[in-house]
C-alpha atoms as a PDB file:
ATOM      1  CA  MET A   1      63.653 -15.112 263.856  1.00  0.00           C
ATOM      2  CA  LYS A   2      63.603 -17.158 267.293  1.00  0.00           C
ATOM      3  CA  SER A   3      67.432 -17.967 267.278  1.00  0.00           C
ATOM      4  CA  LEU A   4      68.159 -14.515 266.615  1.00  0.00           C
ATOM      5  CA  LEU A   5      66.105 -12.975 269.248  1.00  0.00           C
ATOM      6  CA  ALA A   6      67.706 -15.738 271.647  1.00  0.00           C
ATOM      7  CA  ALA A   7      71.091 -14.501 270.746  1.00  0.00           C
ATOM      8  CA  THR A   8      70.055 -10.818 270.848  1.00  0.00           C
ATOM      9  CA  ALA A   9      68.963 -12.025 274.763  1.00  0.00           C
ATOM     10  CA  VAL A  10      72.390 -13.620 275.752  1.00  0.00           C
ATOM     11  CA  LEU A  11      74.516 -10.761 274.281  1.00  0.00           C
ATOM     12  CA  THR A  12      72.410  -8.281 276.664  1.00  0.00           C
ATOM     13  CA  LEU A  13      72.512 -10.460 279.513  1.00  0.00           C
ATOM     14  CA  ALA A  14      76.454 -11.073 278.960  1.00  0.00           C
ATOM     15  CA  ALA A  15      76.853  -7.182 278.504  1.00  0.00           C
ATOM     16  CA  CYS A  16      75.126  -6.769 281.672  1.00  0.00           C
ATOM     17  CA  ALA A  17      77.205  -9.026 283.853  1.00  0.00           C
ATOM     18  CA  THR A  18      80.472  -7.850 283.444  1.00  0.00           C
ATOM     19  CA  GLN A  19      83.176  -8.266 286.449  1.00  0.00           C
ATOM     20  CA  GLU A  20      84.130  -4.035 286.283  1.00  0.00           C
ATOM     21  CA  PRO A  21      83.660  -2.124 289.124  1.00  0.00           C
ATOM     22  CA  THR A  22      80.629   0.392 288.750  1.00  0.00           C
ATOM     23  CA  GLN A  23      81.572   3.696 289.867  1.00  0.00           C
ATOM     24  CA  VAL A  24      78.271   5.156 291.878  1.00  0.00           C
ATOM     25  CA  ALA A  25      77.765   9.081 291.906  1.00  0.00           C
ATOM     26  CA  GLN A  26      78.207  10.819 295.077  1.00  0.00           C
ATOM     27  CA  ALA A  27      75.608  12.640 296.198  1.00  0.00           C
ATOM     28  CA  LYS A  28      76.702  16.780 296.627  1.00  0.00           C
ATOM     29  CA  ALA A  29      75.573  19.131 299.116  1.00  0.00           C
ATOM     30  CA  PRO A  30      72.813  21.639 297.360  1.00  0.00           C
ATOM     31  CA  GLU A  31      74.135  25.041 296.705  1.00  0.00           C
ATOM     32  CA  CYS A  32      72.372  28.134 298.246  1.00  0.00           C
ATOM     33  CA  LYS A  33      71.253  29.441 295.111  1.00  0.00           C
ATOM     34  CA  VAL A  34      69.607  32.942 296.930  1.00  0.00           C
ATOM     35  CA  VAL A  35      71.936  35.957 295.901  1.00  0.00           C
ATOM     36  CA  PRO A  36      71.599  39.285 296.550  1.00  0.00           C
ATOM     37  CA  VAL A  37      69.468  40.798 293.626  1.00  0.00           C
ATOM     38  CA  THR A  38      71.593  43.263 291.310  1.00  0.00           C
ATOM     39  CA  THR A  39      71.714  44.052 287.564  1.00  0.00           C
ATOM     40  CA  GLU A  40      74.109  41.323 287.170  1.00  0.00           C
ATOM     41  CA  SER A  41      71.992  38.522 288.658  1.00  0.00           C
ATOM     42  CA  SER A  42      68.901  39.654 287.324  1.00  0.00           C
ATOM     43  CA  THR A  43      70.324  38.513 284.021  1.00  0.00           C
ATOM     44  CA  GLY A  44      71.090  34.510 285.095  1.00  0.00           C
ATOM     45  CA  ASN A  45      74.459  35.300 286.003  1.00  0.00           C
ATOM     46  CA  PRO A  46      75.748  35.229 289.880  1.00  0.00           C
ATOM     47  CA  PRO A  47      77.258  38.027 291.146  1.00  0.00           C
ATOM     48  CA  ARG A  48      81.124  37.578 291.503  1.00  0.00           C
ATOM     49  CA  HIS A  49      81.894  39.483 294.873  1.00  0.00           C
ATOM     50  CA  THR A  50      79.058  38.037 297.482  1.00  0.00           C
ATOM     51  CA  THR A  51      80.273  38.082 300.930  1.00  0.00           C
ATOM     52  CA  GLU A  52      78.320  35.574 302.762  1.00  0.00           C
ATOM     53  CA  LEU A  53      76.785  38.505 304.971  1.00  0.00           C
ATOM     54  CA  GLN A  54      75.524  39.565 301.830  1.00  0.00           C
ATOM     55  CA  GLN A  55      74.121  36.330 300.627  1.00  0.00           C
ATOM     56  CA  ARG A  56      72.720  35.598 304.222  1.00  0.00           C
ATOM     57  CA  PHE A  57      70.871  39.242 304.099  1.00  0.00           C
ATOM     58  CA  ALA A  58      69.462  38.212 300.870  1.00  0.00           C
ATOM     59  CA  GLN A  59      68.471  34.756 302.204  1.00  0.00           C
ATOM     60  CA  ALA A  60      66.307  36.646 305.008  1.00  0.00           C
ATOM     61  CA  ASP A  61      65.113  39.427 302.456  1.00  0.00           C
ATOM     62  CA  LEU A  62      63.417  36.288 300.402  1.00  0.00           C
ATOM     63  CA  ALA A  63      62.051  34.501 303.734  1.00  0.00           C
ATOM     64  CA  SER A  64      60.086  37.056 304.978  1.00  0.00           C
ATOM     65  CA  SER A  65      59.066  38.675 301.254  1.00  0.00           C
ATOM     66  CA  GLN A  66      55.446  38.757 299.970  1.00  0.00           C
ATOM     67  CA  PHE A  67      56.551  36.825 296.979  1.00  0.00           C
ATOM     68  CA  ARG A  68      57.040  33.993 299.455  1.00  0.00           C
ATOM     69  CA  PHE A  69      53.922  34.057 301.167  1.00  0.00           C
ATOM     70  CA  GLN A  70      52.353  34.465 298.031  1.00  0.00           C
ATOM     71  CA  GLN A  71      53.960  31.095 296.610  1.00  0.00           C
ATOM     72  CA  LEU A  72      53.211  29.306 299.603  1.00  0.00           C
ATOM     73  CA  ARG A  73      49.266  30.295 299.512  1.00  0.00           C
ATOM     74  CA  ARG A  74      49.436  29.510 295.638  1.00  0.00           C
ATOM     75  CA  GLU A  75      51.375  26.365 295.649  1.00  0.00           C
ATOM     76  CA  GLY A  76      51.842  25.327 299.495  1.00  0.00           C
ATOM     77  CA  GLN A  77      54.666  23.713 300.632  1.00  0.00           C
ATOM     78  CA  PHE A  78      55.661  21.208 298.091  1.00  0.00           C
ATOM     79  CA  PRO A  79      56.465  21.532 295.203  1.00  0.00           C
ATOM     80  CA  ASN A  80      57.716  25.398 295.702  1.00  0.00           C
ATOM     81  CA  ASN A  81      60.735  26.781 293.853  1.00  0.00           C
ATOM     82  CA  VAL A  82      61.337  29.071 296.722  1.00  0.00           C
ATOM     83  CA  GLU A  83      60.805  26.797 299.431  1.00  0.00           C
ATOM     84  CA  GLU A  84      63.779  24.462 297.969  1.00  0.00           C
ATOM     85  CA  ALA A  85      66.037  27.502 297.720  1.00  0.00           C
ATOM     86  CA  LEU A  86      65.571  28.465 301.390  1.00  0.00           C
ATOM     87  CA  ARG A  87      66.169  24.709 302.183  1.00  0.00           C
ATOM     88  CA  ASP A  88      68.718  24.504 300.318  1.00  0.00           C
ATOM     89  CA  CYS A  89      70.890  27.166 302.035  1.00  0.00           C
ATOM     90  CA  ASN A  90      69.691  26.223 305.149  1.00  0.00           C
ATOM     91  CA  SER A  91      71.048  22.521 304.708  1.00  0.00           C
ATOM     92  CA  GLN A  92      74.945  24.116 304.130  1.00  0.00           C
ATOM     93  CA  GLU A  93      74.833  25.451 307.965  1.00  0.00           C
END
């Protein structure tokens, strides 16, 4: 039984010690998920044809909405999905 355990440990360590280069995932810039509210976007699909001006208007509308202020009162700054969405949009600029 001890030899089986030792053999398993040796094989596990040997598998981890490969000389192949490992690929590290690159961090992607977060995407702005704030889109204008349409009948299509309310189903979960983002609108197909949205100009940058429409997106910025939707972002400003969300930033000054009563819903945002209610979420801030209820949940605070962290974790808050509305605040994260607005931060993601601002980090792309």
